[in-house]
Amino acid sequence: MEHMIFLIAGLMISISAITTGFGFAILGGKLLETTARQPELGPELQTKTFIMAGLLDAVPMISVGIAMYLIFVVA
């Protein structure tokens, strides 16, 4: 049973890291694409991108917290 908890926690951390990487790649690509089309909106778009990056980064932190709970409390 304990081995299964460690496996699940590892999967939670790795899947959240991979999907966050994809999210940052899409977010950065869209920022560059939109800034290239309309350079005058660059500073406003950059501010909104940083806000979205913070929100995007919060999801894997929650997953890491739940995984640590599983490892140190449940197992």
PDB file of N, CA and C in Angstrom:
ATOM      1  N   MET A   1       0.827  -1.200   0.000  1.00  0.00           N
ATOM      2  CA  MET A   1       0.000   0.000   0.000  1.00  0.00           C
ATOM      3  C   MET A   1       0.869   1.260   0.000  1.00  0.00           C
ATOM      4  N   GLU A   2       1.947   1.251   0.792  1.00  0.00           N
ATOM      5  CA  GLU A   2       2.798   2.435   0.855  1.00  0.00           C
ATOM      6  C   GLU A   2       3.492   2.705  -0.484  1.00  0.00           C
ATOM      7  N   HIS A   3       3.846   1.646  -1.185  1.00  0.00           N
ATOM      8  CA  HIS A   3       4.501   1.822  -2.480  1.00  0.00           C
ATOM      9  C   HIS A   3       3.564   2.515  -3.465  1.00  0.00           C
ATOM     10  N   MET A   4       2.290   2.203  -3.359  1.00  0.00           N
ATOM     11  CA  MET A   4       1.313   2.811  -4.253  1.00  0.00           C
ATOM     12  C   MET A   4       1.177   4.315  -3.976  1.00  0.00           C
ATOM     13  N   ILE A   5       1.246   4.701  -2.708  1.00  0.00           N
ATOM     14  CA  ILE A   5       1.153   6.123  -2.352  1.00  0.00           C
ATOM     15  C   ILE A   5       2.346   6.885  -2.902  1.00  0.00           C
ATOM     16  N   PHE A   6       3.542   6.287  -2.805  1.00  0.00           N
ATOM     17  CA  PHE A   6       4.733   6.940  -3.343  1.00  0.00           C
ATOM     18  C   PHE A   6       4.638   7.073  -4.862  1.00  0.00           C
ATOM     19  N   LEU A   7       4.112   6.071  -5.519  1.00  0.00           N
ATOM     20  CA  LEU A   7       3.944   6.117  -6.969  1.00  0.00           C
ATOM     21  C   LEU A   7       2.952   7.211  -7.365  1.00  0.00           C
ATOM     22  N   ILE A   8       1.847   7.288  -6.653  1.00  0.00           N
ATOM     23  CA  ILE A   8       0.834   8.302  -6.946  1.00  0.00           C
ATOM     24  C   ILE A   8       1.388   9.704  -6.710  1.00  0.00           C
ATOM     25  N   ALA A   9       2.134   9.887  -5.616  1.00  0.00           N
ATOM     26  CA  ALA A   9       2.718  11.202  -5.330  1.00  0.00           C
ATOM     27  C   ALA A   9       3.724  11.588  -6.407  1.00  0.00           C
ATOM     28  N   GLY A  10       4.535  10.644  -6.845  1.00  0.00           N
ATOM     29  CA  GLY A  10       5.493  10.928  -7.912  1.00  0.00           C
ATOM     30  C   GLY A  10       4.804  11.277  -9.220  1.00  0.00           C
ATOM     31  N   LEU A  11       3.728  10.576  -9.528  1.00  0.00           N
ATOM     32  CA  LEU A  11       2.967  10.891 -10.741  1.00  0.00           C
ATOM     33  C   LEU A  11       2.317  12.272 -10.656  1.00  0.00           C
ATOM     34  N   MET A  12       1.809  12.617  -9.486  1.00  0.00           N
ATOM     35  CA  MET A  12       1.195  13.936  -9.321  1.00  0.00           C
ATOM     36  C   MET A  12       2.210  15.042  -9.577  1.00  0.00           C
ATOM     37  N   ILE A  13       3.398  14.892  -9.007  1.00  0.00           N
ATOM     38  CA  ILE A  13       4.420  15.927  -9.162  1.00  0.00           C
ATOM     39  C   ILE A  13       4.905  15.995 -10.609  1.00  0.00           C
ATOM     40  N   SER A  14       5.157  14.837 -11.220  1.00  0.00           N
ATOM     41  CA  SER A  14       5.710  14.855 -12.574  1.00  0.00           C
ATOM     42  C   SER A  14       4.689  15.323 -13.607  1.00  0.00           C
ATOM     43  N   ILE A  15       3.459  14.898 -13.493  1.00  0.00           N
ATOM     44  CA  ILE A  15       2.442  15.329 -14.461  1.00  0.00           C
ATOM     45  C   ILE A  15       2.169  16.823 -14.327  1.00  0.00           C
ATOM     46  N   SER A  16       2.134  17.326 -13.089  1.00  0.00           N
ATOM     47  CA  SER A  16       1.899  18.764 -12.931  1.00  0.00           C
ATOM     48  C   SER A  16       3.073  19.577 -13.466  1.00  0.00           C
ATOM     49  N   ALA A  17       4.299  19.064 -13.332  1.00  0.00           N
ATOM     50  CA  ALA A  17       5.462  19.780 -13.872  1.00  0.00           C
ATOM     51  C   ALA A  17       5.433  19.794 -15.403  1.00  0.00           C
ATOM     52  N   ILE A  18       5.089  18.682 -15.999  1.00  0.00           N
ATOM     53  CA  ILE A  18       5.046  18.606 -17.464  1.00  0.00           C
ATOM     54  C   ILE A  18       3.957  19.513 -18.031  1.00  0.00           C
ATOM     55  N   THR A  19       2.778  19.457 -17.454  1.00  0.00           N
ATOM     56  CA  THR A  19       1.681  20.278 -17.971  1.00  0.00           C
ATOM     57  C   THR A  19       1.931  21.765 -17.732  1.00  0.00           C
ATOM     58  N   THR A  20       2.602  22.108 -16.636  1.00  0.00           N
ATOM     59  CA  THR A  20       2.954  23.509 -16.407  1.00  0.00           C
ATOM     60  C   THR A  20       3.958  23.986 -17.438  1.00  0.00           C
ATOM     61  N   GLY A  21       4.892  23.130 -17.810  1.00  0.00           N
ATOM     62  CA  GLY A  21       5.839  23.479 -18.867  1.00  0.00           C
ATOM     63  C   GLY A  21       5.141  23.760 -20.183  1.00  0.00           C
ATOM     64  N   PHE A  22       4.175  22.933 -20.528  1.00  0.00           N
ATOM     65  CA  PHE A  22       3.396  23.181 -21.745  1.00  0.00           C
ATOM     66  C   PHE A  22       2.612  24.483 -21.639  1.00  0.00           C
ATOM     67  N   GLY A  23       2.054  24.747 -20.472  1.00  0.00           N
ATOM     68  CA  GLY A  23       1.293  25.979 -20.271  1.00  0.00           C
ATOM     69  C   GLY A  23       2.154  27.216 -20.430  1.00  0.00           C
ATOM     70  N   PHE A  24       3.357  27.186 -19.843  1.00  0.00           N
ATOM     71  CA  PHE A  24       4.264  28.322 -19.992  1.00  0.00           C
ATOM     72  C   PHE A  24       4.715  28.491 -21.436  1.00  0.00           C
ATOM     73  N   ALA A  25       4.924  27.391 -22.137  1.00  0.00           N
ATOM     74  CA  ALA A  25       5.322  27.478 -23.546  1.00  0.00           C
ATOM     75  C   ALA A  25       4.222  28.121 -24.380  1.00  0.00           C
ATOM     76  N   ILE A  26       2.995  27.724 -24.177  1.00  0.00           N
ATOM     77  CA  ILE A  26       1.877  28.309 -24.923  1.00  0.00           C
ATOM     78  C   ILE A  26       1.697  29.779 -24.556  1.00  0.00           C
ATOM     79  N   LEU A  27       1.784  30.073 -23.252  1.00  0.00           N
ATOM     80  CA  LEU A  27       1.608  31.453 -22.796  1.00  0.00           C
ATOM     81  C   LEU A  27       2.686  32.367 -23.373  1.00  0.00           C
ATOM     82  N   GLY A  28       3.937  31.933 -23.329  1.00  0.00           N
ATOM     83  CA  GLY A  28       5.022  32.745 -23.880  1.00  0.00           C
ATOM     84  C   GLY A  28       4.932  32.891 -25.385  1.00  0.00           C
ATOM     85  N   GLY A  29       4.543  31.831 -26.058  1.00  0.00           N
ATOM     86  CA  GLY A  29       4.381  31.901 -27.511  1.00  0.00           C
ATOM     87  C   GLY A  29       3.294  32.866 -27.924  1.00  0.00           C
ATOM     88  N   LYS A  30       2.188  32.829 -27.209  1.00  0.00           N
ATOM     89  CA  LYS A  30       1.098  33.765 -27.531  1.00  0.00           C
ATOM     90  C   LYS A  30       1.490  35.206 -27.234  1.00  0.00           C
ATOM     91  N   LEU A  31       2.287  35.415 -26.166  1.00  0.00           N
ATOM     92  CA  LEU A  31       2.750  36.770 -25.874  1.00  0.00           C
ATOM     93  C   LEU A  31       3.635  37.291 -26.998  1.00  0.00           C
ATOM     94  N   LEU A  32       4.587  36.481 -27.435  1.00  0.00           N
ATOM     95  CA  LEU A  32       5.466  36.913 -28.519  1.00  0.00           C
ATOM     96  C   LEU A  32       4.700  37.143 -29.817  1.00  0.00           C
ATOM     97  N   GLU A  33       3.755  36.252 -30.096  1.00  0.00           N
ATOM     98  CA  GLU A  33       2.956  36.368 -31.319  1.00  0.00           C
ATOM     99  C   GLU A  33       2.123  37.648 -31.322  1.00  0.00           C
ATOM    100  N   THR A  34       1.480  37.935 -30.208  1.00  0.00           N
ATOM    101  CA  THR A  34       0.621  39.112 -30.132  1.00  0.00           C
ATOM    102  C   THR A  34       1.441  40.395 -30.097  1.00  0.00           C
ATOM    103  N   THR A  35       2.589  40.370 -29.408  1.00  0.00           N
ATOM    104  CA  THR A  35       3.437  41.552 -29.364  1.00  0.00           C
ATOM    105  C   THR A  35       4.038  41.851 -30.731  1.00  0.00           C
ATOM    106  N   ALA A  36       4.312  40.817 -31.505  1.00  0.00           N
ATOM    107  CA  ALA A  36       4.831  41.046 -32.861  1.00  0.00           C
ATOM    108  C   ALA A  36       3.772  41.677 -33.759  1.00  0.00           C
ATOM    109  N   ARG A  37       2.514  41.328 -33.524  1.00  0.00           N
ATOM    110  CA  ARG A  37       1.438  41.907 -34.345  1.00  0.00           C
ATOM    111  C   ARG A  37       1.120  43.337 -33.945  1.00  0.00           C
ATOM    112  N   GLN A  38       1.064  43.582 -32.617  1.00  0.00           N
ATOM    113  CA  GLN A  38       0.715  44.916 -32.113  1.00  0.00           C
ATOM    114  C   GLN A  38       1.737  45.333 -31.048  1.00  0.00           C
ATOM    115  N   PRO A  39       2.859  45.897 -31.467  1.00  0.00           N
ATOM    116  CA  PRO A  39       3.923  46.247 -30.511  1.00  0.00           C
ATOM    117  C   PRO A  39       3.505  47.284 -29.470  1.00  0.00           C
ATOM    118  N   GLU A  40       2.534  48.112 -29.786  1.00  0.00           N
ATOM    119  CA  GLU A  40       2.122  49.152 -28.837  1.00  0.00           C
ATOM    120  C   GLU A  40       1.420  48.571 -27.607  1.00  0.00           C
ATOM    121  N   LEU A  41       0.935  47.348 -27.702  1.00  0.00           N
ATOM    122  CA  LEU A  41       0.280  46.697 -26.564  1.00  0.00           C
ATOM    123  C   LEU A  41       1.247  45.856 -25.724  1.00  0.00           C
ATOM    124  N   GLY A  42       2.527  45.915 -26.051  1.00  0.00           N
ATOM    125  CA  GLY A  42       3.519  45.080 -25.387  1.00  0.00           C
ATOM    126  C   GLY A  42       3.544  45.171 -23.866  1.00  0.00           C
ATOM    127  N   PRO A  43       3.652  46.379 -23.287  1.00  0.00           N
ATOM    128  CA  PRO A  43       3.709  46.464 -21.818  1.00  0.00           C
ATOM    129  C   PRO A  43       2.440  45.957 -21.129  1.00  0.00           C
ATOM    130  N   GLU A  44       1.288  46.253 -21.693  1.00  0.00           N
ATOM    131  CA  GLU A  44       0.027  45.782 -21.103  1.00  0.00           C
ATOM    132  C   GLU A  44      -0.078  44.260 -21.184  1.00  0.00           C
ATOM    133  N   LEU A  45       0.309  43.706 -22.321  1.00  0.00           N
ATOM    134  CA  LEU A  45       0.269  42.255 -22.481  1.00  0.00           C
ATOM    135  C   LEU A  45       1.272  41.562 -21.564  1.00  0.00           C
ATOM    136  N   GLN A  46       2.428  42.195 -21.367  1.00  0.00           N
ATOM    137  CA  GLN A  46       3.439  41.591 -20.499  1.00  0.00           C
ATOM    138  C   GLN A  46       2.940  41.541 -19.055  1.00  0.00           C
ATOM    139  N   THR A  47       2.271  42.586 -18.608  1.00  0.00           N
ATOM    140  CA  THR A  47       1.716  42.593 -17.253  1.00  0.00           C
ATOM    141  C   THR A  47       0.686  41.486 -17.086  1.00  0.00           C
ATOM    142  N   LYS A  48      -0.205  41.358 -18.048  1.00  0.00           N
ATOM    143  CA  LYS A  48      -1.224  40.310 -17.970  1.00  0.00           C
ATOM    144  C   LYS A  48      -0.606  38.929 -18.060  1.00  0.00           C
ATOM    145  N   THR A  49       0.483  38.797 -18.825  1.00  0.00           N
ATOM    146  CA  THR A  49       1.159  37.504 -18.931  1.00  0.00           C
ATOM    147  C   THR A  49       1.791  37.123 -17.607  1.00  0.00           C
ATOM    148  N   PHE A  50       2.384  38.088 -16.899  1.00  0.00           N
ATOM    149  CA  PHE A  50       2.978  37.772 -15.600  1.00  0.00           C
ATOM    150  C   PHE A  50       1.921  37.377 -14.579  1.00  0.00           C
ATOM    151  N   ILE A  51       0.761  38.007 -14.638  1.00  0.00           N
ATOM    152  CA  ILE A  51      -0.339  37.612 -13.742  1.00  0.00           C
ATOM    153  C   ILE A  51      -0.784  36.190 -14.053  1.00  0.00           C
ATOM    154  N   MET A  52      -0.940  35.888 -15.338  1.00  0.00           N
ATOM    155  CA  MET A  52      -1.340  34.532 -15.724  1.00  0.00           C
ATOM    156  C   MET A  52      -0.260  33.507 -15.372  1.00  0.00           C
ATOM    157  N   ALA A  53       1.008  33.897 -15.470  1.00  0.00           N
ATOM    158  CA  ALA A  53       2.092  32.984 -15.110  1.00  0.00           C
ATOM    159  C   ALA A  53       2.050  32.658 -13.620  1.00  0.00           C
ATOM    160  N   GLY A  54       1.725  33.639 -12.813  1.00  0.00           N
ATOM    161  CA  GLY A  54       1.583  33.380 -11.378  1.00  0.00           C
ATOM    162  C   GLY A  54       0.442  32.431 -11.075  1.00  0.00           C
ATOM    163  N   LEU A  55      -0.673  32.627 -11.763  1.00  0.00           N
ATOM    164  CA  LEU A  55      -1.804  31.720 -11.569  1.00  0.00           C
ATOM    165  C   LEU A  55      -1.499  30.327 -12.101  1.00  0.00           C
ATOM    166  N   LEU A  56      -0.784  30.270 -13.207  1.00  0.00           N
ATOM    167  CA  LEU A  56      -0.415  28.984 -13.797  1.00  0.00           C
ATOM    168  C   LEU A  56       0.557  28.236 -12.901  1.00  0.00           C
ATOM    169  N   ASP A  57       1.410  28.958 -12.204  1.00  0.00           N
ATOM    170  CA  ASP A  57       2.391  28.331 -11.336  1.00  0.00           C
ATOM    171  C   ASP A  57       1.774  27.878 -10.013  1.00  0.00           C
ATOM    172  N   ALA A  58       0.607  28.383  -9.667  1.00  0.00           N
ATOM    173  CA  ALA A  58      -0.023  28.007  -8.402  1.00  0.00           C
ATOM    174  C   ALA A  58      -0.556  26.579  -8.432  1.00  0.00           C
ATOM    175  N   VAL A  59      -0.985  26.120  -9.585  1.00  0.00           N
ATOM    176  CA  VAL A  59      -1.585  24.781  -9.684  1.00  0.00           C
ATOM    177  C   VAL A  59      -0.589  23.663  -9.344  1.00  0.00           C
ATOM    178  N   PRO A  60       0.629  23.664  -9.900  1.00  0.00           N
ATOM    179  CA  PRO A  60       1.554  22.594  -9.500  1.00  0.00           C
ATOM    180  C   PRO A  60       2.002  22.700  -8.052  1.00  0.00           C
ATOM    181  N   MET A  61       2.001  23.898  -7.481  1.00  0.00           N
ATOM    182  CA  MET A  61       2.357  24.028  -6.069  1.00  0.00           C
ATOM    183  C   MET A  61       1.314  23.340  -5.182  1.00  0.00           C
ATOM    184  N   ILE A  62       0.065  23.444  -5.579  1.00  0.00           N
ATOM    185  CA  ILE A  62      -0.987  22.738  -4.848  1.00  0.00           C
ATOM    186  C   ILE A  62      -0.796  21.242  -4.987  1.00  0.00           C
ATOM    187  N   SER A  63      -0.450  20.786  -6.179  1.00  0.00           N
ATOM    188  CA  SER A  63      -0.210  19.363  -6.407  1.00  0.00           C
ATOM    189  C   SER A  63       0.976  18.861  -5.594  1.00  0.00           C
ATOM    190  N   VAL A  64       2.038  19.653  -5.509  1.00  0.00           N
ATOM    191  CA  VAL A  64       3.200  19.266  -4.701  1.00  0.00           C
ATOM    192  C   VAL A  64       2.821  19.206  -3.226  1.00  0.00           C
ATOM    193  N   GLY A  65       2.004  20.150  -2.783  1.00  0.00           N
ATOM    194  CA  GLY A  65       1.551  20.127  -1.392  1.00  0.00           C
ATOM    195  C   GLY A  65       0.740  18.888  -1.066  1.00  0.00           C
ATOM    196  N   ILE A  66      -0.156  18.504  -1.958  1.00  0.00           N
ATOM    197  CA  ILE A  66      -0.957  17.295  -1.745  1.00  0.00           C
ATOM    198  C   ILE A  66      -0.068  16.055  -1.786  1.00  0.00           C
ATOM    199  N   ALA A  67       0.909  16.042  -2.695  1.00  0.00           N
ATOM    200  CA  ALA A  67       1.823  14.899  -2.787  1.00  0.00           C
ATOM    201  C   ALA A  67       2.658  14.776  -1.512  1.00  0.00           C
ATOM    202  N   MET A  68       3.124  15.886  -0.985  1.00  0.00           N
ATOM    203  CA  MET A  68       3.894  15.842   0.265  1.00  0.00           C
ATOM    204  C   MET A  68       3.030  15.377   1.423  1.00  0.00           C
ATOM    205  N   TYR A  69       1.771  15.791   1.420  1.00  0.00           N
ATOM    206  CA  TYR A  69       0.846  15.307   2.442  1.00  0.00           C
ATOM    207  C   TYR A  69       0.707  13.781   2.344  1.00  0.00           C
ATOM    208  N   LEU A  70       0.556  13.282   1.134  1.00  0.00           N
ATOM    209  CA  LEU A  70       0.434  11.832   0.957  1.00  0.00           C
ATOM    210  C   LEU A  70       1.694  11.094   1.427  1.00  0.00           C
ATOM    211  N   ILE A  71       2.865  11.657   1.121  1.00  0.00           N
ATOM    212  CA  ILE A  71       4.107  10.978   1.468  1.00  0.00           C
ATOM    213  C   ILE A  71       4.349  10.998   2.975  1.00  0.00           C
ATOM    214  N   PHE A  72       4.206  12.166   3.601  1.00  0.00           N
ATOM    215  CA  PHE A  72       4.627  12.292   4.986  1.00  0.00           C
ATOM    216  C   PHE A  72       3.531  12.018   6.013  1.00  0.00           C
ATOM    217  N   VAL A  73       2.275  12.117   5.631  1.00  0.00           N
ATOM    218  CA  VAL A  73       1.201  11.913   6.614  1.00  0.00           C
ATOM    219  C   VAL A  73       0.507  10.569   6.385  1.00  0.00           C
ATOM    220  N   VAL A  74       0.104  10.292   5.173  1.00  0.00           N
ATOM    221  CA  VAL A  74      -0.660   9.083   4.895  1.00  0.00           C
ATOM    222  C   VAL A  74       0.228   7.843   4.934  1.00  0.00           C
ATOM    223  N   ALA A  75       1.405   7.940   4.273  1.00  0.00           N
ATOM    224  CA  ALA A  75       2.294   6.771   4.239  1.00  0.00           C
ATOM    225  C   ALA A  75       3.025   6.729   5.518  1.00  0.00           C
TER     226      ALA A  75
END
